[in-house]
Amino acid sequence: FLSHSRATRTMASEATRPELRVSETWDSCIENTIRKLAYGTLSGGLIALILFRSPVARSAVTGIGAGVGVGMGYTDCKHEFDLLQKEQNAS
């Protein structure tokens, strides 16, 4: 999932100012988090549809899937910004 966007961002950010790198990182993080939210919600909903009969249980499992997706997106964004900070401190 990330290989294409990281490669594109890395090639584009080699010749750009630090402000643009931060902006590109934000764009990448928002896109990644939304994608993982959607995947988590869909996978949680599918699992809930297969395993549970109660609408409350289905909603809870779908919500857990969405939370896992957002958590994964947040962790990836934190990692991306840590890398960006290390790059800027090294320069």
Protein backbone atom coordinates (compact mmCIF):
# COMPACT_ATOMS: atom_id res chain seq x y z
CA PHE A 1 0.00 0.00 0.00
CA LEU A 2 2.66 2.47 0.97
CA SER A 3 5.41 1.55 -1.47
CA HIS A 4 4.00 3.55 -4.38
CA SER A 5 3.17 6.67 -2.35
CA ARG A 6 6.49 6.57 -0.46
CA ALA A 7 8.47 6.16 -3.67
CA THR A 8 6.60 9.01 -5.33
CA ARG A 9 6.98 11.23 -2.30
CA THR A 10 10.68 10.39 -1.93
CA MET A 11 11.44 11.23 -5.56
CA ALA A 12 9.41 14.44 -5.39
CA SER A 13 10.78 15.53 -2.03
CA GLU A 14 14.45 15.28 -2.97
CA ALA A 15 14.27 18.59 -4.83
CA THR A 16 11.72 20.43 -2.68
CA ARG A 17 11.80 22.73 0.31
CA PRO A 18 11.21 21.37 3.83
CA GLU A 19 7.78 23.06 4.00
CA LEU A 20 6.66 21.10 0.97
CA ARG A 21 7.96 17.88 2.47
CA VAL A 22 5.79 18.43 5.54
CA SER A 23 2.79 19.14 3.31
CA GLU A 24 3.44 16.00 1.26
CA THR A 25 3.75 13.96 4.44
CA TRP A 26 0.41 15.30 5.71
CA ASP A 27 -1.24 14.47 2.40
CA SER A 28 0.18 10.97 2.44
CA CYS A 29 -0.84 10.41 6.06
CA ILE A 30 -4.40 11.59 5.56
CA GLU A 31 -4.82 9.43 2.48
CA ASN A 32 -3.30 6.42 4.24
CA THR A 33 -5.46 6.85 7.35
CA ILE A 34 -8.66 7.18 5.33
CA ARG A 35 -7.76 4.08 3.33
CA LYS A 36 -7.03 2.06 6.47
CA LEU A 37 -10.23 3.32 8.10
CA ALA A 38 -12.21 2.08 5.10
CA TYR A 39 -10.43 -1.28 5.04
CA GLY A 40 -10.88 -1.73 8.79
CA THR A 41 -14.56 -0.84 8.61
CA LEU A 42 -15.20 -3.14 5.67
CA SER A 43 -13.31 -6.07 7.13
CA GLY A 44 -14.94 -5.58 10.54
CA GLY A 45 -18.36 -5.37 8.90
CA LEU A 46 -17.75 -8.50 6.87
CA ILE A 47 -16.57 -10.45 9.90
CA ALA A 48 -19.53 -9.19 11.90
CA LEU A 49 -21.94 -10.15 9.14
CA ILE A 50 -20.57 -13.68 9.04
CA LEU A 51 -20.20 -14.34 12.77
CA PHE A 52 -22.94 -12.40 14.57
CA ARG A 53 -26.71 -12.18 14.29
CA SER A 54 -27.38 -9.29 16.64
CA PRO A 55 -27.25 -5.79 15.15
CA VAL A 56 -25.58 -4.51 18.31
CA ALA A 57 -22.79 -7.08 18.08
CA ARG A 58 -22.37 -6.35 14.38
CA SER A 59 -22.07 -2.63 15.06
CA ALA A 60 -19.56 -3.21 17.84
CA VAL A 61 -17.33 -5.42 15.70
CA THR A 62 -17.55 -2.96 12.80
CA GLY A 63 -16.58 -0.14 15.16
CA ILE A 64 -13.64 -2.14 16.48
CA GLY A 65 -12.48 -2.73 12.90
CA ALA A 66 -12.72 1.00 12.18
CA GLY A 67 -10.76 1.77 15.34
CA VAL A 68 -8.03 -0.68 14.37
CA GLY A 69 -7.82 0.95 10.94
CA VAL A 70 -7.51 4.45 12.38
CA GLY A 71 -4.94 3.24 14.90
CA MET A 72 -2.84 1.71 12.15
CA GLY A 73 -3.06 4.92 10.14
CA TYR A 74 -2.05 6.99 13.15
CA THR A 75 0.94 4.75 13.87
CA ASP A 76 2.12 4.95 10.27
CA CYS A 77 1.77 8.75 10.29
CA LYS A 78 3.72 9.02 13.52
CA HIS A 79 6.47 6.91 11.98
CA GLU A 80 6.51 9.04 8.80
CA PHE A 81 6.80 12.29 10.78
CA ASP A 82 9.55 10.83 12.97
CA LEU A 83 11.50 9.95 9.82
CA LEU A 84 10.91 13.42 8.41
CA GLN A 85 12.15 15.01 11.64
CA LYS A 86 15.29 12.86 11.61
CA GLU A 87 15.95 13.87 8.00
CA GLN A 88 15.55 17.54 8.82
CA ASN A 89 17.76 17.28 11.90
CA ALA A 90 20.48 15.54 9.87
CA SER A 91 20.50 18.29 7.24
